[in-house]
Amino acid sequence: MTDSRPATRYRFGVFEADAATGELRRQGILVKLGAQPFQVLCLLLERPGSLLTREEISRELWPDGTFVDYEHGVNSAINRIREALGDKAGSPRYIETLARRGYRFLAPVERIGANADAAPEPAQFIPAEPEILSRILASPEDLPKTSYSVVQTLFLLLQLMYVSFYIGALANLSEVQELLSMLPRTNVTFNALLITAAVMIPVRAFVLCAVLFHAPGAQQKLLRMWPLLLLLDELWSLSPFLLLHHINFGLALACTALLVYSPFAQRSLILMGAGKKC
């Protein structure tokens, strides 16, 4: 006998929406989406390939009719959904706008009933990025499938590389101060180097331990830390110039160019499974 009850979960592309919990996941990672946009997403998923009018969305979101400017409300909900899915109105993969009529969900949708097998392991949070960042940063579905050992090893080596930078700078302060003396505001720059190195040594120790010992929620914590690490890692990408007593300017510039990419490589490795149990 066929189960006629509505689906509680929907799968489409690399996403899964759970209507029971109000959660949207991308390859097991929780994507932030507000309650009303999620409600609209479920309406679209329930009728893939069919027109969902703006009036139908309005009646579902504001059944008592008290919300007057529903045009803005519907537009805002659709925009939030597109941000979460990494979709674009001009070249849609998921949500197509039908001018002056409504919207249509384009991708195939798999419905999973209430009696389906247990839900996937607890999700981890990754915030939806603004459109400009979504064009630059890799999403989980953009990344190749690579063996756990390779991902883990590369991530740990990058952390050890930074630790060696911090320790090397602190171990050669007189030489570093001499190099910095050619810059304006030498004391400010020198103190900034001291403070960031001293702060980042324990931060890197935390990252190393979290990944080595597969700490619960390690991926979530690392993704939340990433914006701070991005800022400081970009500053420390200039660290090869602290070695100008030992290398020439061209080599220092080449190493700096490589280090500028390092924070983005770390983020990709986190999304590829660094720190998870194999």
Protein backbone atom coordinates (compact mmCIF):
# COMPACT_ATOMS: atom_id res chain seq x y z
CA MET A 1 0.00 0.00 0.00
CA THR A 2 1.43 3.38 -1.03
CA ASP A 3 2.12 5.95 1.68
CA SER A 4 0.03 9.00 0.75
CA ARG A 5 1.34 11.18 3.55
CA PRO A 6 3.40 14.20 2.51
CA ALA A 7 7.15 13.82 2.42
CA THR A 8 9.10 14.98 5.44
CA ARG A 9 12.42 15.30 3.59
CA TYR A 10 13.31 16.33 0.08
CA ARG A 11 16.55 15.65 -1.79
CA PHE A 12 17.63 17.68 -4.81
CA GLY A 13 21.14 17.98 -6.21
CA VAL A 14 23.54 18.06 -3.27
CA PHE A 15 20.86 19.43 -0.92
CA GLU A 16 18.39 17.90 1.49
CA ALA A 17 15.51 19.78 3.14
CA ASP A 18 13.89 18.37 6.27
CA ALA A 19 10.37 19.76 6.65
CA ALA A 20 10.02 18.28 10.15
CA THR A 21 13.02 20.15 11.57
CA GLY A 22 13.08 23.14 9.21
CA GLU A 23 16.69 22.42 8.21
CA LEU A 24 18.43 22.65 4.86
CA ARG A 25 21.64 20.67 4.41
CA ARG A 26 24.27 20.73 1.69
CA GLN A 27 26.18 17.44 1.67
CA GLY A 28 25.42 17.03 5.36
CA ILE A 29 26.39 20.59 6.28
CA LEU A 30 23.62 22.76 7.67
CA VAL A 31 22.92 25.89 5.63
CA LYS A 32 21.39 28.85 7.41
CA LEU A 33 17.90 29.68 6.12
CA GLY A 34 15.10 31.54 7.91
CA ALA A 35 11.73 30.00 8.72
CA GLN A 36 9.68 31.80 6.06
CA PRO A 37 12.16 31.22 3.19
CA PHE A 38 12.33 27.55 4.22
CA GLN A 39 8.53 27.37 4.13
CA VAL A 40 8.55 28.77 0.58
CA LEU A 41 11.26 26.28 -0.40
CA CYS A 42 9.09 23.40 0.82
CA LEU A 43 6.17 24.71 -1.26
CA LEU A 44 8.40 24.68 -4.33
CA LEU A 45 9.78 21.22 -3.54
CA GLU A 46 6.29 19.81 -3.13
CA ARG A 47 5.48 20.85 -6.72
CA PRO A 48 8.69 20.62 -8.80
CA GLY A 49 8.25 21.71 -12.38
CA SER A 50 4.92 23.41 -11.64
CA LEU A 51 4.08 27.09 -11.30
CA LEU A 52 3.82 28.38 -7.74
CA THR A 53 2.16 31.79 -7.90
CA ARG A 54 3.11 34.73 -5.74
CA GLU A 55 -0.46 34.81 -4.41
CA GLU A 56 -0.17 31.17 -3.26
CA ILE A 57 3.06 31.96 -1.45
CA SER A 58 1.47 35.00 0.18
CA ARG A 59 -1.54 33.02 1.38
CA GLU A 60 0.75 30.37 2.87
CA LEU A 61 3.03 32.84 4.65
CA TRP A 62 0.36 35.30 5.77
CA PRO A 63 -2.94 33.38 5.94
CA ASP A 64 -4.71 36.08 7.95
CA GLY A 65 -4.03 38.66 5.24
CA THR A 66 -2.47 41.14 7.66
CA PHE A 67 0.76 41.53 5.68
CA VAL A 68 0.17 44.28 3.11
CA ASP A 69 3.46 44.53 1.18
CA TYR A 70 3.55 40.84 0.25
CA GLU A 71 5.45 41.59 -2.99
CA HIS A 72 8.51 42.64 -1.01
CA GLY A 73 8.07 39.75 1.42
CA VAL A 74 7.90 37.14 -1.34
CA ASN A 75 10.87 38.66 -3.18
CA SER A 76 12.91 38.66 0.02
CA ALA A 77 12.08 35.00 0.74
CA ILE A 78 13.04 33.91 -2.79
CA ASN A 79 16.29 35.88 -2.63
CA ARG A 80 17.23 34.22 0.69
CA ILE A 81 16.56 30.79 -0.82
CA ARG A 82 18.73 31.57 -3.85
CA GLU A 83 21.57 32.73 -1.58
CA ALA A 84 21.37 29.52 0.41
CA LEU A 85 21.36 27.36 -2.73
CA GLY A 86 24.01 29.40 -4.54
CA ASP A 87 21.46 29.99 -7.29
CA LYS A 88 21.13 32.99 -9.62
CA ALA A 89 17.99 34.52 -11.08
CA GLY A 90 19.71 35.12 -14.43
CA SER A 91 20.89 31.53 -14.90
CA PRO A 92 18.84 29.41 -12.48
CA ARG A 93 19.64 25.83 -11.59
CA TYR A 94 16.88 25.49 -9.01
CA ILE A 95 14.37 28.35 -8.95
CA GLU A 96 13.09 29.93 -12.16
CA THR A 97 11.18 33.20 -12.14
CA LEU A 98 8.10 33.31 -14.38
CA ALA A 99 7.53 37.01 -14.99
CA ARG A 100 4.43 38.45 -13.31
CA ARG A 101 3.24 34.95 -12.43
CA GLY A 102 5.46 33.25 -9.88
CA TYR A 103 8.21 30.66 -9.60
CA ARG A 104 9.03 27.12 -10.67
CA PHE A 105 11.46 24.61 -9.17
CA LEU A 106 13.63 23.18 -11.95
CA ALA A 107 15.71 20.38 -10.43
CA PRO A 108 14.45 16.80 -9.90
CA VAL A 109 13.24 16.26 -6.34
CA GLU A 110 13.31 12.98 -4.40
CA ARG A 111 10.67 12.74 -1.69
CA ILE A 112 11.52 10.81 1.46
CA GLY A 113 8.57 9.75 3.59
CA ALA A 114 8.16 9.91 7.35
CA ASN A 115 9.07 6.21 7.75
CA ALA A 116 12.37 6.51 5.90
CA ASP A 117 15.57 5.31 7.49
CA ALA A 118 17.28 7.40 10.11
CA ALA A 119 18.31 10.89 9.17
CA PRO A 120 21.95 11.65 8.40
CA GLU A 121 24.41 12.38 11.16
CA PRO A 122 24.05 15.71 12.94
CA ALA A 123 24.74 18.53 10.56
CA GLN A 124 27.33 21.21 10.94
CA PHE A 125 26.68 24.85 10.36
CA ILE A 126 28.05 26.83 7.47
CA PRO A 127 26.59 30.28 6.87
CA ALA A 128 25.21 31.17 3.49
CA GLU A 129 27.69 33.48 1.80
CA PRO A 130 26.84 36.67 -0.06
CA GLU A 131 26.69 36.27 -3.81
CA ILE A 132 30.05 37.97 -4.39
CA LEU A 133 31.77 35.46 -2.08
CA SER A 134 29.88 32.48 -3.49
CA ARG A 135 31.51 33.23 -6.84
CA ILE A 136 35.00 33.08 -5.29
CA LEU A 137 34.83 30.44 -2.56
CA ALA A 138 34.46 26.77 -3.34
CA SER A 139 31.32 25.00 -2.18
CA PRO A 140 31.39 21.32 -1.10
CA GLU A 141 29.99 20.16 -4.44
CA ASP A 142 32.77 22.00 -6.31
CA LEU A 143 35.53 20.05 -4.57
CA PRO A 144 37.01 16.74 -5.74
CA LYS A 145 36.65 13.49 -3.84
CA THR A 146 40.06 12.80 -2.31
CA SER A 147 41.26 10.22 0.14
CA TYR A 148 40.97 11.12 3.80
CA SER A 149 44.67 10.58 4.46
CA VAL A 150 45.72 13.04 1.74
CA VAL A 151 43.31 15.74 2.97
CA GLN A 152 44.31 15.25 6.60
CA THR A 153 48.05 15.28 5.85
CA LEU A 154 47.92 18.42 3.71
CA PHE A 155 45.88 20.30 6.29
CA LEU A 156 48.23 19.36 9.13
CA LEU A 157 51.30 20.33 7.09
CA LEU A 158 49.82 23.77 6.44
CA GLN A 159 49.27 24.29 10.18
CA LEU A 160 52.84 23.22 10.96
CA MET A 161 54.10 25.61 8.29
CA TYR A 162 52.45 28.56 10.02
CA VAL A 163 53.70 27.48 13.44
CA SER A 164 57.23 27.44 12.03
CA PHE A 165 56.72 31.00 10.70
CA TYR A 166 55.63 32.27 14.12
CA ILE A 167 58.43 30.53 16.01
CA GLY A 168 61.03 31.54 13.43
CA ALA A 169 60.00 35.20 13.67
CA LEU A 170 60.09 35.18 17.48
CA ALA A 171 63.45 33.42 17.49
CA ASN A 172 65.06 36.10 15.31
CA LEU A 173 63.60 39.31 16.69
CA SER A 174 66.77 41.38 16.32
CA GLU A 175 67.09 40.46 12.65
CA VAL A 176 63.38 41.09 12.05
CA GLN A 177 63.54 44.45 13.82
CA GLU A 178 66.44 45.49 11.61
CA LEU A 179 64.43 44.67 8.49
CA LEU A 180 61.36 46.48 9.78
CA SER A 181 63.40 49.58 10.62
CA MET A 182 63.20 50.52 6.94
CA LEU A 183 59.41 50.84 7.20
CA PRO A 184 57.41 53.79 8.59
CA ARG A 185 55.94 53.22 12.06
CA THR A 186 58.45 50.52 12.81
CA ASN A 187 57.31 50.05 16.40
CA VAL A 188 53.66 49.54 15.41
CA THR A 189 54.60 46.95 12.80
CA PHE A 190 57.01 45.17 15.14
CA ASN A 191 54.45 45.03 17.97
CA ALA A 192 51.77 43.75 15.59
CA LEU A 193 54.12 40.96 14.53
CA LEU A 194 54.85 40.05 18.16
CA ILE A 195 51.19 40.04 19.19
CA THR A 196 49.86 38.09 16.21
CA ALA A 197 52.63 35.49 16.47
CA ALA A 198 52.06 35.03 20.20
CA VAL A 199 48.28 34.74 19.74
CA MET A 200 48.39 32.46 16.72
CA ILE A 201 50.72 29.85 18.23
CA PRO A 202 48.02 28.61 20.67
CA VAL A 203 45.35 29.01 17.99
CA ARG A 204 47.31 26.75 15.66
CA ALA A 205 47.90 24.31 18.52
CA PHE A 206 44.12 24.17 19.03
CA VAL A 207 43.54 23.56 15.31
CA LEU A 208 46.18 20.82 15.22
CA CYS A 209 44.73 19.04 18.25
CA ALA A 210 41.13 19.36 17.00
CA VAL A 211 42.07 17.75 13.70
CA LEU A 212 44.48 15.14 15.05
CA PHE A 213 42.06 13.90 17.71
CA HIS A 214 38.86 14.31 15.65
CA ALA A 215 37.22 16.61 18.20
CA PRO A 216 33.40 16.59 18.01
CA GLY A 217 32.21 19.47 15.86
CA ALA A 218 35.75 20.19 14.65
CA GLN A 219 34.64 21.07 11.13
CA GLN A 220 32.01 23.47 12.46
CA LYS A 221 34.51 25.21 14.73
CA LEU A 222 37.14 25.48 12.00
CA LEU A 223 34.68 26.97 9.53
CA ARG A 224 33.64 29.55 12.09
CA MET A 225 37.28 30.40 12.79
CA TRP A 226 38.16 30.65 9.11
CA PRO A 227 37.36 34.38 8.58
CA LEU A 228 39.76 35.29 11.42
CA LEU A 229 42.39 32.90 10.10
CA LEU A 230 41.93 34.39 6.62
CA LEU A 231 42.72 37.88 7.85
CA LEU A 232 45.79 36.88 9.85
CA ASP A 233 47.07 34.39 7.27
CA GLU A 234 46.93 37.06 4.58
CA LEU A 235 49.00 39.34 6.83
CA TRP A 236 51.50 36.55 7.47
CA SER A 237 51.73 35.82 3.75
CA LEU A 238 54.28 38.65 3.83
CA SER A 239 56.48 36.64 6.19
CA PRO A 240 58.96 35.56 3.44
CA PHE A 241 60.13 39.18 3.37
CA LEU A 242 61.38 38.68 6.93
CA LEU A 243 63.99 36.37 5.39
CA LEU A 244 65.53 38.96 3.07
CA HIS A 245 68.87 38.50 4.83
CA HIS A 246 68.85 34.92 3.50
CA ILE A 247 66.84 35.00 0.24
CA ASN A 248 66.46 37.52 -2.56
CA PHE A 249 63.45 39.77 -3.17
CA GLY A 250 62.14 37.75 -6.13
CA LEU A 251 61.99 34.49 -4.17
CA ALA A 252 60.28 36.26 -1.25
CA LEU A 253 57.67 37.67 -3.63
CA ALA A 254 57.06 34.26 -5.21
CA CYS A 255 56.59 32.63 -1.78
CA THR A 256 54.22 35.40 -0.72
CA ALA A 257 52.10 34.88 -3.82
CA LEU A 258 51.73 31.20 -2.92
CA LEU A 259 50.91 32.00 0.70
CA VAL A 260 48.09 34.34 -0.33
CA TYR A 261 46.22 31.25 -1.56
CA SER A 262 46.93 29.18 1.54
CA PRO A 263 43.86 30.24 3.62
CA PHE A 264 41.54 29.29 0.76
CA ALA A 265 43.28 25.92 0.43
CA GLN A 266 42.74 25.35 4.15
CA ARG A 267 39.01 26.09 3.83
CA SER A 268 38.72 23.64 0.94
CA LEU A 269 40.50 20.95 2.93
CA ILE A 270 38.11 21.49 5.85
CA LEU A 271 35.13 21.04 3.53
CA MET A 272 36.78 17.95 2.04
CA GLY A 273 36.88 16.29 5.47
CA ALA A 274 39.95 17.45 7.42
CA GLY A 275 39.34 16.60 11.06
CA LYS A 276 36.52 14.12 10.45
CA LYS A 277 36.80 10.51 11.42
CA CYS A 278 37.82 8.33 8.49
